[in-house]
Amino acid sequence: MSKLFHMVLLVTLGVCSSMLIHSSSGAAETLGKPKLEIPGTQFGGIFRQVLGDSPSTLDPAFVTDNYGGAVVHQLFDGLVQFDAHLKPLPAIAEFWEASPDGCIWTFTLRRGVTFHHGREVTAHDVVYSFTRLLDPQKPLPVTEFFRRIQGAKEFMQGKTHHVEGLKAVDRYTFQMVLEEPLASLWAVLGLHNTRVVPREEVEKLEGHFGRAPVGTGPFKFVRWETNQEIVLEANDQYYEGRPFLDTVVFKIRVGSKLEETFAEFLQGNLEETIIPSGKTEEVRTDPTYRRYQRVSKPTLSLLYIGFNTQVKPFDDRRVRQAFNYAVNKEVIVQEITQRGSLPATGVLPPGMPGHDPDLQGYNYQPDKAKRLLAEAGYPDGVGFPVVQRWSNHTAESTKAELAAYKRYLAELGVQVDIRFAPDWPTYTAMLKQGQLPMFRLAWTADIPDPDNMLSPLLHSTSPTNRTLYRNPLVDQLLEQARQKLPYVQRIALYREVERIIMDDAPWIAQHYEALDRLYQPYVQGVEVSLLGKRMIPLKKIWLKQRLAEDSAGDMTDVRPSQ
């Protein structure tokens, strides 16, 4: 096990003890006035990038998609943040300490941190922001983490108007009291949903805060033109120092047509682009592309083909298993998607604590698939209904991937009807209503903890459990793993959960996604972690002068955060 990986495991899965935390040795002297300035950097410029669809909201409490997460990460801060190696560091909290039993956490806030509308952040804002996550009328995936806060259950049942375990001790001291320790609290505090918001702005907008957000982050919200663009500007009062960029423009491209985005990048209208699967070999070998910087890195992300497990015929595990054995994922990932992704054997990707390298998953066994389908009552597919397989992505590589599934399942005697949702909000609405029998989705971890992939996707109470999977034993094991346990025991529980899930087959785990992008030659300061694209800190990016030699130089392979 590498030193870095061991450190991540200790940080995200370790047992709580009494401690006083600073960002590094000597941090107490520098935390009050941190700076982003780096020798040789330049201020100014516009950074343009594409969002594959419109976010559902920019209110951090309710963000569950990558589109909103990418923007929220630039607008808001929480108590802690992650560095490139996924180590939690101070953000709004200057330092913190925990009681010996891991149940009382006390955070000292930085002084002088202001919201974008000018007011200073206080401990009362932190209390309000965490209380929002326990609203029983608007359940969230993260709600489960915070049910163990003292008084949370009574608050959610309407017995009290405040949460006893969330306290503003004074203006700059916030305290969280837990009824029992939460092993992953370090990581949970880095979630998008835990970012701090100003109560007066949230309540003034009466539910529309997600369209006009006000945070403390390095960039401030300017405007959101539906299905067109989201524009941010530099926050001159940011507590870490003004970001280098003047403006960030998220160009919204509904349907994620990667080929069009790639062409727009080559025309100089974007600062970054995904490399479409059909272009990977060309980018690698054609000298034309050497002027650009290429960033390639695995991420803690899973792309899966989900089944609605509550409707026929997918309420039968044998049918779901048959579909898993019927598809050659190796061919799909290596010959169609072609972006450095790895065929998935389970839920937890490599690099995630708990990943089991010995888990076999499902391999391509068409004869076994036919036998299972016959056992389920559909010999050679006779009597099997036409399956609607949905996606919200219309890139050529996605269409080719869907066509491959259609061919493989046709060999079982199953007819597939491929359909596309017009946009992400429509797609998610249909998923929430349980309307889609078979669908394509991806999940990228927000934090380096296995619970962040298993619980949101598979716990029976999670609002992002799109497969509607229900298994009381899985729920019990996930809840047990959140307790104060030795690292080895937590890992054993998560691996047991993963084995049960893969046997139940609520989905086809297709591949662990990799980030593979090109940046313009003048883009500097790109920092990528295993959390992927949306967590890239744009506050660190700067644009150098477009010198003539840039166009003649070789393409640079950028390998940050190895």
Foldseek 3Di string as FASTA:
>chain_A
DDPLLVVQLCLQFNFAAWDKDAQDVVRVVPLLFAALDDPPFAFEDEAEAADQFDFPFLQLQAGDDLSSLLVLLQFFDFQWAADQSQHTHGDQFRMWTAHGQQFKIKTFGHPQQAKLVGHTQWLVQLQVLVLVQLALVDHALCNVVCCQFAQSVCVNVVNDVGHPQWDRPDGGMTMTGGNFHFSRVSFSRHGSSSTGADPVLCVVVPPRCRQQPMYRGQWHWDHDDHQAKTKIAGRCSRSNHTFRYGMYIHGYNFQCQQVVSVVCVVVVNHQKGFQFQVCPVVCVPPQQNFLWAKEKFFAFKFKWKFFQCVDPPNVDLLLLLLLQQLAALVCLVVPQRNRPWFFDQWQTDPSFQLDDPPRRFYHHDNVSSQVSCVVSPQRLNPPPDAAEEEERHDHPSVVVSVVRSQVSVVRSVHHYDYDHDRGDVRVVVCLLVLNHRIYIDMHFFSHRHLLSRPSCCAQCPHSNVSSNHDDVVLNVLSVVLRGSDHSVVSSVSSNVSGVVCSSSNSIRRRTRDMGIMIGRSQKDQFRHHSSDDSNTHSSRIGGDPPDPCSSVHTHHHDYHSD
